[in-house]
């Protein structure tokens, strides 16, 4: 496998929208793999408090992460919304490269920690043993708006 390059998406392109849609389809059965909308991507790209990180091998997007800054009364934290690597490349260092860039991006924004949830089977070991994340005993709540 050639070298993985990870960067922050700087502008909307149709290729970016299509690649992210395909990856999102691998992340969750709630997504059909269709391209993300221009508006959705531009909202994230243009915000200083959000980022789309893209992993590329040989000019092909093979992984992504979407990050947001969450402001609290005590600290500023990074929230990891989406994190996915192309199925055929998992376990080959793409996720590790994205993970390192996520932490770096959060530090440059003055964040103290990164928080996320995951319900994907088998990911607990990846996050806790391979990436050093601490599993918190908490309840996660959601309300539709």
Protein backbone atom coordinates (compact mmCIF):
# COMPACT_ATOMS: atom_id res chain seq x y z
CA UNK A 1 0.00 0.00 0.00
CA UNK A 2 1.26 3.47 -0.87
CA UNK A 3 1.53 6.25 1.69
CA UNK A 4 -1.63 7.61 3.31
CA UNK A 5 -1.93 11.39 3.19
CA UNK A 6 -4.41 13.10 5.51
CA UNK A 7 -5.57 16.67 5.16
CA UNK A 8 -8.44 19.01 5.87
CA UNK A 9 -10.93 19.45 3.04
CA UNK A 10 -10.57 23.05 1.89
CA UNK A 11 -13.27 23.31 -0.79
CA UNK A 12 -16.30 21.54 -2.13
CA UNK A 13 -15.85 19.28 -5.15
CA UNK A 14 -18.26 16.78 -6.65
CA UNK A 15 -15.58 14.08 -6.20
CA UNK A 16 -15.37 14.87 -2.48
CA UNK A 17 -19.17 14.74 -2.12
CA UNK A 18 -19.38 11.39 -3.93
CA UNK A 19 -16.48 9.79 -2.06
CA UNK A 20 -17.83 10.91 1.31
CA UNK A 21 -21.27 9.59 0.41
CA UNK A 22 -19.85 6.16 -0.44
CA UNK A 23 -17.85 6.07 2.78
CA UNK A 24 -20.86 7.19 4.80
CA UNK A 25 -22.80 4.29 3.28
CA UNK A 26 -20.17 1.92 4.76
CA UNK A 27 -20.43 3.64 8.15
CA UNK A 28 -24.15 3.27 8.74
CA UNK A 29 -27.10 1.44 7.26
CA UNK A 30 -29.05 4.69 7.68
CA UNK A 31 -27.15 6.09 4.68
CA UNK A 32 -27.62 4.88 1.14
CA UNK A 33 -24.20 5.94 -0.14
CA UNK A 34 -25.45 8.93 -2.11
CA UNK A 35 -23.30 12.04 -2.44
CA UNK A 36 -23.41 14.62 0.31
CA UNK A 37 -25.00 17.93 -0.62
CA UNK A 38 -22.93 20.92 -1.60
CA UNK A 39 -24.61 22.99 1.14
CA UNK A 40 -23.86 20.41 3.81
CA UNK A 41 -20.19 20.19 2.88
CA UNK A 42 -19.69 23.92 2.46
CA UNK A 43 -21.24 24.60 5.88
CA UNK A 44 -18.62 22.35 7.47
CA UNK A 45 -15.69 23.46 5.31
CA UNK A 46 -16.31 27.18 5.83
CA UNK A 47 -16.66 26.95 9.62
CA UNK A 48 -13.56 27.46 11.77
CA UNK A 49 -15.14 25.17 14.37
CA UNK A 50 -15.68 22.15 12.12
CA UNK A 51 -13.47 20.08 9.84
CA UNK A 52 -13.64 17.29 7.33
CA UNK A 53 -10.46 15.23 7.39
CA UNK A 54 -9.77 13.18 4.30
CA UNK A 55 -7.39 10.23 3.96
CA UNK A 56 -6.03 9.82 0.43
CA UNK A 57 -3.97 7.09 -1.24
CA UNK A 58 -2.89 7.56 -4.85
CA UNK A 59 -5.30 10.51 -5.26
CA UNK A 60 -8.28 8.41 -4.11
CA UNK A 61 -10.26 9.28 -0.96
CA UNK A 62 -10.16 6.17 1.24
CA UNK A 63 -11.22 7.51 4.65
CA UNK A 64 -12.80 10.46 6.38
CA UNK A 65 -13.63 12.01 9.72
CA UNK A 66 -15.93 14.89 10.56
CA UNK A 67 -15.05 16.91 13.64
CA UNK A 68 -16.76 19.71 15.55
CA UNK A 69 -15.66 21.89 18.44
CA UNK A 70 -18.00 21.79 21.43
CA UNK A 71 -17.76 24.75 23.79
CA UNK A 72 -18.49 24.13 27.46
CA UNK A 73 -18.29 26.40 30.47
CA UNK A 74 -15.00 24.79 31.53
CA UNK A 75 -13.27 23.34 28.47
CA UNK A 76 -13.41 23.22 24.72
CA UNK A 77 -13.58 19.68 23.29
CA UNK A 78 -13.53 18.02 19.89
CA UNK A 79 -16.56 15.90 19.03
CA UNK A 80 -15.98 13.15 16.47
CA UNK A 81 -19.14 12.74 14.42
CA UNK A 82 -18.11 10.40 11.57
CA UNK A 83 -15.00 8.24 11.23
CA UNK A 84 -14.76 5.62 8.49
CA UNK A 85 -12.15 3.88 6.35
CA UNK A 86 -12.91 2.08 3.11
CA UNK A 87 -13.76 -1.53 3.96
CA UNK A 88 -10.96 -3.11 1.92
CA UNK A 89 -8.29 -0.95 3.58
CA UNK A 90 -9.20 -1.38 7.24
CA UNK A 91 -6.34 -2.57 9.43
CA UNK A 92 -3.70 -1.09 7.11
CA UNK A 93 -2.93 2.21 8.85
CA UNK A 94 -5.48 4.52 7.24
CA UNK A 95 -7.49 4.85 10.47
CA UNK A 96 -4.34 5.44 12.49
CA UNK A 97 -3.29 8.23 10.13
CA UNK A 98 -6.73 9.86 10.40
CA UNK A 99 -6.73 9.44 14.18
CA UNK A 100 -3.40 11.24 14.56
CA UNK A 101 -4.61 14.13 12.42
CA UNK A 102 -7.86 14.36 14.44
CA UNK A 103 -5.93 14.75 17.68
CA UNK A 104 -3.58 17.27 16.10
CA UNK A 105 -6.49 19.34 14.73
CA UNK A 106 -8.17 19.37 18.16
CA UNK A 107 -4.98 20.51 19.88
CA UNK A 108 -4.54 23.37 17.41
CA UNK A 109 -8.07 24.52 18.32
CA UNK A 110 -7.24 24.57 22.03
CA UNK A 111 -9.26 21.47 22.91
CA UNK A 112 -8.63 19.36 26.01
CA UNK A 113 -10.10 16.07 24.78
CA UNK A 114 -11.95 14.33 21.98
CA UNK A 115 -15.31 12.71 22.67
CA UNK A 116 -17.39 10.36 20.55
CA UNK A 117 -19.88 7.55 20.65
CA UNK A 118 -19.82 4.28 18.77
CA UNK A 119 -22.30 1.46 18.39
CA UNK A 120 -20.39 -0.38 15.67
CA UNK A 121 -19.66 -3.99 16.70
CA UNK A 122 -15.96 -4.67 17.29
CA UNK A 123 -14.92 -1.03 17.58
CA UNK A 124 -14.52 -0.93 21.36
CA UNK A 125 -11.21 -2.78 21.18
CA UNK A 126 -9.97 -0.52 18.38
CA UNK A 127 -10.73 2.64 20.35
CA UNK A 128 -9.60 1.49 23.79
CA UNK A 129 -6.65 -0.80 23.08
CA UNK A 130 -5.28 0.57 19.82
CA UNK A 131 -6.09 4.27 20.16
CA UNK A 132 -5.95 4.75 23.94
CA UNK A 133 -9.51 5.97 24.39
CA UNK A 134 -11.21 5.56 27.74
CA UNK A 135 -14.70 4.05 27.71
CA UNK A 136 -16.89 6.18 29.91
CA UNK A 137 -19.83 4.83 31.85
CA UNK A 138 -22.49 7.28 30.82
CA UNK A 139 -25.83 7.41 29.14
CA UNK A 140 -26.21 8.98 25.76
CA UNK A 141 -29.48 10.73 25.06
CA UNK A 142 -30.97 12.12 21.88
CA UNK A 143 -34.09 14.08 21.09
CA UNK A 144 -35.31 14.82 17.60
CA UNK A 145 -35.85 18.51 16.78
